[in-house]
């Protein structure tokens, strides 16, 4: 089992979609996610997000 988790986020205030993957810390209390999203306000493509 990979023990990796996925996140996909969108809302009705933007046309942007954010996706990320990550893991829990050894205690299982904190989830750390890293991914990319397009920033429609600045035109930046593939902006890193945490």
N, C-alpha and C. Protein backbone atom coordinates (compact mmCIF):
# COMPACT_ATOMS: atom_id res chain seq x y z
N UNK A 1 0.83 -1.17 0.00
CA UNK A 1 0.00 0.00 0.00
C UNK A 1 0.89 1.25 0.00
N UNK A 2 0.56 2.21 -0.80
CA UNK A 2 1.38 3.42 -0.95
C UNK A 2 1.25 4.40 0.20
N UNK A 3 0.11 4.43 0.86
CA UNK A 3 -0.15 5.37 1.96
C UNK A 3 0.05 6.82 1.53
N UNK A 4 -0.39 7.13 0.30
CA UNK A 4 -0.38 8.50 -0.20
C UNK A 4 -1.83 8.91 -0.38
N UNK A 5 -2.07 10.18 -0.20
CA UNK A 5 -3.43 10.69 -0.24
C UNK A 5 -3.54 11.78 -1.31
N UNK A 6 -4.72 11.92 -1.86
CA UNK A 6 -4.94 12.87 -2.95
C UNK A 6 -5.97 13.91 -2.55
N UNK A 7 -5.78 15.13 -3.06
CA UNK A 7 -6.69 16.24 -2.83
C UNK A 7 -7.02 16.88 -4.16
N UNK A 8 -8.29 17.16 -4.39
CA UNK A 8 -8.72 17.97 -5.53
C UNK A 8 -9.65 19.03 -4.95
N UNK A 9 -9.34 20.29 -5.25
CA UNK A 9 -10.11 21.39 -4.68
C UNK A 9 -10.55 22.34 -5.78
N UNK A 10 -11.81 22.77 -5.70
CA UNK A 10 -12.34 23.81 -6.57
C UNK A 10 -13.50 24.47 -5.84
N UNK A 11 -13.81 25.66 -6.25
CA UNK A 11 -14.95 26.35 -5.66
C UNK A 11 -15.65 27.19 -6.72
N UNK A 12 -16.71 27.88 -6.33
CA UNK A 12 -17.48 28.65 -7.30
C UNK A 12 -17.00 30.09 -7.44
N UNK A 13 -15.86 30.44 -6.84
CA UNK A 13 -15.31 31.78 -6.95
C UNK A 13 -14.23 31.88 -8.04
N UNK A 14 -13.84 30.76 -8.62
CA UNK A 14 -12.75 30.74 -9.58
C UNK A 14 -12.94 29.60 -10.56
N UNK A 15 -12.23 29.65 -11.66
CA UNK A 15 -12.24 28.54 -12.61
C UNK A 15 -11.04 27.64 -12.39
N UNK A 16 -10.23 27.92 -11.38
CA UNK A 16 -9.01 27.15 -11.12
C UNK A 16 -9.31 25.84 -10.41
N UNK A 17 -8.51 24.85 -10.69
CA UNK A 17 -8.57 23.54 -10.05
C UNK A 17 -7.22 23.28 -9.41
N UNK A 18 -7.21 22.87 -8.15
CA UNK A 18 -5.97 22.57 -7.45
C UNK A 18 -5.94 21.07 -7.16
N UNK A 19 -4.84 20.42 -7.46
CA UNK A 19 -4.68 19.01 -7.11
C UNK A 19 -3.36 18.83 -6.38
N UNK A 20 -3.33 17.92 -5.42
CA UNK A 20 -2.13 17.69 -4.62
C UNK A 20 -2.12 16.26 -4.11
N UNK A 21 -0.94 15.78 -3.76
CA UNK A 21 -0.78 14.48 -3.12
C UNK A 21 0.11 14.65 -1.90
N UNK A 22 -0.01 13.74 -0.95
CA UNK A 22 0.81 13.86 0.23
C UNK A 22 0.72 12.65 1.13
N UNK A 23 1.35 12.77 2.30
CA UNK A 23 1.43 11.69 3.28
C UNK A 23 1.18 12.24 4.68
N UNK A 24 0.80 11.33 5.59
CA UNK A 24 0.69 11.67 7.00
C UNK A 24 2.05 11.54 7.66
N UNK A 25 2.25 12.31 8.74
CA UNK A 25 3.47 12.16 9.54
C UNK A 25 3.41 10.81 10.27
N UNK A 26 4.51 10.35 10.86
CA UNK A 26 4.52 9.04 11.52
C UNK A 26 3.46 8.87 12.61
N UNK A 27 3.08 9.95 13.29
CA UNK A 27 2.04 9.87 14.32
C UNK A 27 0.64 9.80 13.74
N UNK A 28 0.50 10.12 12.45
CA UNK A 28 -0.81 10.11 11.81
C UNK A 28 -1.67 11.30 12.17
N UNK A 29 -1.05 12.39 12.65
CA UNK A 29 -1.82 13.56 13.09
C UNK A 29 -1.77 14.72 12.11
N UNK A 30 -0.76 14.76 11.25
CA UNK A 30 -0.61 15.89 10.32
C UNK A 30 -0.46 15.36 8.90
N UNK A 31 -1.25 15.90 8.00
CA UNK A 31 -1.19 15.55 6.59
C UNK A 31 -0.49 16.66 5.83
N UNK A 32 0.58 16.33 5.12
CA UNK A 32 1.32 17.30 4.31
C UNK A 32 1.04 17.03 2.84
N UNK A 33 0.57 18.06 2.14
CA UNK A 33 0.21 17.94 0.73
C UNK A 33 1.01 18.94 -0.10
N UNK A 34 1.43 18.53 -1.28
CA UNK A 34 2.09 19.40 -2.25
C UNK A 34 1.45 19.17 -3.60
N UNK A 35 1.27 20.24 -4.35
CA UNK A 35 0.67 20.11 -5.67
C UNK A 35 0.89 21.35 -6.51
N UNK A 36 0.07 21.49 -7.54
CA UNK A 36 0.17 22.61 -8.47
C UNK A 36 -1.23 23.09 -8.83
N UNK A 37 -1.30 24.38 -9.18
CA UNK A 37 -2.56 24.93 -9.66
C UNK A 37 -2.28 26.07 -10.62
N UNK A 38 -3.22 26.35 -11.48
CA UNK A 38 -3.11 27.51 -12.36
C UNK A 38 -3.74 28.70 -11.64
N UNK A 39 -3.08 29.83 -11.69
CA UNK A 39 -3.54 31.05 -11.01
C UNK A 39 -4.16 31.99 -12.04
N UNK A 40 -5.50 32.02 -12.15
CA UNK A 40 -6.14 32.82 -13.20
C UNK A 40 -5.94 34.33 -13.04
N UNK A 41 -5.73 34.82 -11.83
CA UNK A 41 -5.55 36.26 -11.62
C UNK A 41 -4.22 36.77 -12.18
N UNK A 42 -3.18 35.94 -12.11
CA UNK A 42 -1.86 36.37 -12.57
C UNK A 42 -1.45 35.71 -13.89
N UNK A 43 -2.18 34.66 -14.29
CA UNK A 43 -1.83 33.93 -15.49
C UNK A 43 -0.75 32.89 -15.27
N UNK A 44 -0.32 32.72 -14.02
CA UNK A 44 0.73 31.74 -13.71
C UNK A 44 0.18 30.32 -13.87
N UNK A 45 0.91 29.48 -14.60
CA UNK A 45 0.51 28.10 -14.86
C UNK A 45 1.39 27.18 -14.02
N UNK A 46 0.78 26.21 -13.34
CA UNK A 46 1.53 25.24 -12.56
C UNK A 46 2.15 25.81 -11.29
N UNK A 47 1.46 26.75 -10.65
CA UNK A 47 1.97 27.36 -9.41
C UNK A 47 2.04 26.30 -8.31
N UNK A 48 3.22 26.15 -7.67
CA UNK A 48 3.33 25.17 -6.57
C UNK A 48 2.50 25.61 -5.36
N UNK A 49 1.83 24.66 -4.74
CA UNK A 49 1.04 24.92 -3.53
C UNK A 49 1.37 23.87 -2.48
N UNK A 50 1.25 24.30 -1.22
CA UNK A 50 1.43 23.37 -0.08
C UNK A 50 0.21 23.42 0.78
